[in-house]
Amino acid sequence: MQTIQINAVKRDQFGKKSAKDIRRESLIPCVIYGNGGETIHFSVEAAEAKKILYTPKTYIIEINIDGTVVKGVMRETQFHPVKDYCQHIDFYRVAEGKPVSVELPIALVGNSEGVKAGGKLKIERRKLTVCGLEENLLDELVIDITELGVGKSISVADLSFDGLKILTPASTPVVSVLATRQSGR
């Protein structure tokens, strides 16, 4: 899994008023917690956070908080409902030897037999939640759809990845090929 670095400043004041003051300075209030470490409140420049917010990829993020580097993954983001800017980011600490759960993007490879026969490919999920050690986490979950025929689908139960446990429910469909009116002729 790719690693990306961001710079941050530790913050000592909490609550609505201090969060509004931080946002007024084009900063985003953040917190990192979990895996037995202390909870750290900090803020990141909005421009610095863009490289982790507006991408379909998932990263291990090395957060440099006033000279101390802490590794984590982005757990939750909160956006303003009208103006659509990021209001808050939660990070979950990544500790060596301890599993972490993340959402990883799906990459489809191959040319489906069902699509060649006139079916329509329908992607049901773009990301799956998995759990694993940091060294086992992948950049993307690659799924081969070459054998997928018309009216067939691939669900989470059909998938497995070395060193990862899939947390998304097994009955969840991932990709399917639908029959079209022309494919039945």
Protein backbone atom coordinates (compact mmCIF):
# COMPACT_ATOMS: atom_id res chain seq x y z
CA MET A 1 0.00 0.00 0.00
CA GLN A 2 1.26 3.46 -0.87
CA THR A 3 2.39 5.85 1.83
CA ILE A 4 1.85 9.60 1.73
CA GLN A 5 3.08 12.30 4.12
CA ILE A 6 1.23 15.33 5.45
CA ASN A 7 2.31 18.04 7.87
CA ALA A 8 0.17 18.99 10.85
CA VAL A 9 0.12 21.23 13.92
CA LYS A 10 -0.97 19.95 17.33
CA ARG A 11 -3.92 21.79 18.84
CA ASP A 12 -4.75 22.28 22.49
CA GLN A 13 -8.21 23.85 22.33
CA PHE A 14 -11.31 21.83 21.48
CA GLY A 15 -14.99 22.50 20.89
CA LYS A 16 -17.13 24.32 18.36
CA LYS A 17 -15.62 27.76 18.85
CA SER A 18 -12.02 26.64 18.44
CA ALA A 19 -12.96 24.44 15.46
CA LYS A 20 -14.59 27.45 13.75
CA ASP A 21 -11.48 29.53 14.43
CA ILE A 22 -9.29 26.80 12.92
CA ARG A 23 -11.48 26.52 9.81
CA ARG A 24 -11.38 30.30 9.37
CA GLU A 25 -7.60 29.99 8.92
CA SER A 26 -8.08 27.40 6.07
CA LEU A 27 -7.16 24.55 8.41
CA ILE A 28 -9.05 21.32 9.03
CA PRO A 29 -9.41 20.01 12.61
CA CYS A 30 -8.32 16.35 12.86
CA VAL A 31 -7.87 13.58 15.42
CA ILE A 32 -5.93 10.32 15.44
CA TYR A 33 -6.84 7.50 17.83
CA GLY A 34 -6.82 3.74 18.34
CA ASN A 35 -4.43 0.78 18.52
CA GLY A 36 -3.38 1.51 22.09
CA GLY A 37 -1.89 4.96 21.45
CA GLU A 38 -2.91 8.27 22.89
CA THR A 39 -5.55 10.38 21.15
CA ILE A 40 -3.93 13.35 19.43
CA HIS A 41 -5.85 16.41 18.22
CA PHE A 42 -4.22 18.39 15.42
CA SER A 43 -5.01 20.52 12.37
CA VAL A 44 -3.95 20.22 8.72
CA GLU A 45 -3.92 22.83 5.98
CA ALA A 46 -6.82 22.35 3.58
CA ALA A 47 -4.44 22.38 0.60
CA GLU A 48 -2.31 19.66 2.24
CA ALA A 49 -5.38 17.48 2.90
CA LYS A 50 -6.57 17.61 -0.73
CA LYS A 51 -4.11 14.90 -1.77
CA ILE A 52 -5.78 12.38 0.59
CA LEU A 53 -9.39 13.61 0.40
CA TYR A 54 -10.12 13.83 -3.31
CA THR A 55 -8.82 10.50 -4.56
CA PRO A 56 -10.33 7.02 -4.89
CA LYS A 57 -7.10 5.53 -3.52
CA THR A 58 -6.45 4.54 0.08
CA TYR A 59 -3.12 5.46 1.67
CA ILE A 60 -1.10 4.80 4.80
CA ILE A 61 -0.62 8.38 5.96
CA GLU A 62 2.48 9.51 7.83
CA ILE A 63 1.33 12.56 9.79
CA ASN A 64 4.15 14.84 10.90
CA ILE A 65 2.70 16.54 13.99
CA ASP A 66 5.20 19.18 15.10
CA GLY A 67 8.14 16.87 14.32
CA THR A 68 6.60 13.63 15.63
CA VAL A 69 5.57 11.19 12.87
CA VAL A 70 2.46 9.07 13.48
CA LYS A 71 1.16 6.52 10.95
CA GLY A 72 -2.55 6.15 10.32
CA VAL A 73 -5.35 5.60 7.83
CA MET A 74 -8.21 7.95 7.13
CA ARG A 75 -11.27 6.57 8.93
CA GLU A 76 -13.99 9.22 8.54
CA THR A 77 -14.46 12.64 6.96
CA GLN A 78 -17.14 15.22 7.58
CA PHE A 79 -18.09 17.71 4.86
CA HIS A 80 -20.18 20.88 5.09
CA PRO A 81 -23.67 19.97 3.78
CA VAL A 82 -24.03 23.07 1.58
CA LYS A 83 -20.58 24.49 0.82
CA ASP A 84 -18.97 21.03 0.38
CA TYR A 85 -15.65 21.68 2.12
CA CYS A 86 -14.06 19.29 4.62
CA GLN A 87 -14.91 20.14 8.24
CA HIS A 88 -13.16 17.31 10.12
CA ILE A 89 -11.03 14.21 9.52
CA ASP A 90 -10.68 11.17 11.80
CA PHE A 91 -7.57 8.99 11.46
CA TYR A 92 -7.03 5.51 12.92
CA ARG A 93 -3.51 4.73 14.12
CA VAL A 94 -1.58 1.98 12.34
CA ALA A 95 0.58 -0.03 14.74
CA GLU A 96 3.15 -2.61 13.69
CA GLY A 97 1.92 -6.16 14.19
CA LYS A 98 -1.72 -5.10 14.73
CA PRO A 99 -4.40 -5.47 12.03
CA VAL A 100 -6.23 -2.44 10.72
CA SER A 101 -9.47 -2.26 8.73
CA VAL A 102 -9.64 -0.05 5.63
CA GLU A 103 -11.73 0.37 2.50
CA LEU A 104 -9.74 -0.61 -0.59
CA PRO A 105 -10.74 0.22 -4.19
CA ILE A 106 -11.62 -2.56 -6.64
CA ALA A 107 -9.87 -2.92 -10.01
CA LEU A 108 -11.53 -5.10 -12.64
CA VAL A 109 -9.30 -6.87 -15.18
CA GLY A 110 -10.18 -8.90 -18.25
CA ASN A 111 -12.89 -8.71 -20.88
CA SER A 112 -16.05 -10.44 -19.72
CA GLU A 113 -17.56 -13.21 -21.87
CA GLY A 114 -21.01 -11.84 -21.06
CA VAL A 115 -20.13 -8.36 -22.31
CA LYS A 116 -18.74 -9.87 -25.53
CA ALA A 117 -22.10 -11.64 -25.96
CA GLY A 118 -23.98 -8.32 -25.67
CA GLY A 119 -24.56 -8.08 -21.91
CA LYS A 120 -24.05 -4.96 -19.84
CA LEU A 121 -21.43 -4.85 -17.07
CA LYS A 122 -22.82 -3.46 -13.82
CA ILE A 123 -20.39 -2.52 -11.06
CA GLU A 124 -22.22 -2.86 -7.72
CA ARG A 125 -19.33 -1.91 -5.37
CA ARG A 126 -16.29 0.28 -5.97
CA LYS A 127 -14.63 -0.44 -2.59
CA LEU A 128 -14.57 -3.30 -0.09
CA THR A 129 -13.75 -3.15 3.61
CA VAL A 130 -10.85 -5.45 4.52
CA CYS A 131 -8.78 -6.13 7.63
CA GLY A 132 -5.11 -7.03 7.69
CA LEU A 133 -1.62 -6.16 8.80
CA GLU A 134 -0.02 -3.08 7.26
CA GLU A 135 2.41 -5.14 5.15
CA ASN A 136 -0.47 -7.19 3.65
CA LEU A 137 -2.61 -4.22 2.58
CA LEU A 138 -2.87 -3.76 -1.19
CA ASP A 139 -3.22 -0.62 -3.31
CA GLU A 140 -6.32 -2.13 -4.93
CA LEU A 141 -8.23 -5.40 -4.95
CA VAL A 142 -7.84 -6.93 -8.42
CA ILE A 143 -10.79 -9.02 -9.66
CA ASP A 144 -10.62 -10.97 -12.95
CA ILE A 145 -13.97 -10.86 -14.78
CA THR A 146 -12.94 -12.79 -17.92
CA GLU A 147 -15.17 -15.81 -17.15
CA LEU A 148 -18.21 -13.73 -16.11
CA GLY A 149 -21.16 -14.62 -18.39
CA VAL A 150 -24.55 -13.02 -19.05
CA GLY A 151 -26.78 -13.20 -15.97
CA LYS A 152 -23.83 -14.09 -13.70
CA SER A 153 -22.32 -12.08 -10.86
CA ILE A 154 -19.38 -12.06 -8.48
CA SER A 155 -20.16 -11.53 -4.80
CA VAL A 156 -17.85 -11.00 -1.83
CA ALA A 157 -18.18 -14.72 -0.96
CA ASP A 158 -16.43 -15.57 -4.27
CA LEU A 159 -13.35 -13.48 -3.41
CA SER A 160 -10.24 -14.09 -1.32
CA PHE A 161 -6.98 -12.19 -0.97
CA ASP A 162 -3.80 -13.42 0.74
CA GLY A 163 -3.34 -12.02 4.24
CA LEU A 164 -6.62 -10.07 4.19
CA LYS A 165 -9.99 -10.76 5.76
CA ILE A 166 -12.92 -9.23 3.89
CA LEU A 167 -15.29 -7.50 6.32
CA THR A 168 -17.95 -6.56 3.75
CA PRO A 169 -20.88 -9.03 4.09
CA ALA A 170 -20.40 -12.20 1.97
CA SER A 171 -23.76 -11.83 0.20
CA THR A 172 -22.86 -8.37 -1.18
CA PRO A 173 -22.66 -8.37 -5.00
CA VAL A 174 -19.53 -6.75 -6.45
CA VAL A 175 -19.97 -6.95 -10.23
CA SER A 176 -22.50 -8.56 -12.56
CA VAL A 177 -23.33 -8.86 -16.25
CA LEU A 178 -26.96 -8.04 -17.03
CA ALA A 179 -28.84 -9.35 -20.04
CA THR A 180 -29.93 -6.70 -22.50
CA ARG A 181 -32.70 -7.02 -25.05
CA GLN A 182 -30.13 -7.59 -27.80
CA SER A 183 -28.16 -10.25 -25.91
CA GLY A 184 -31.19 -12.59 -25.96
CA ARG A 185 -31.42 -12.72 -29.77
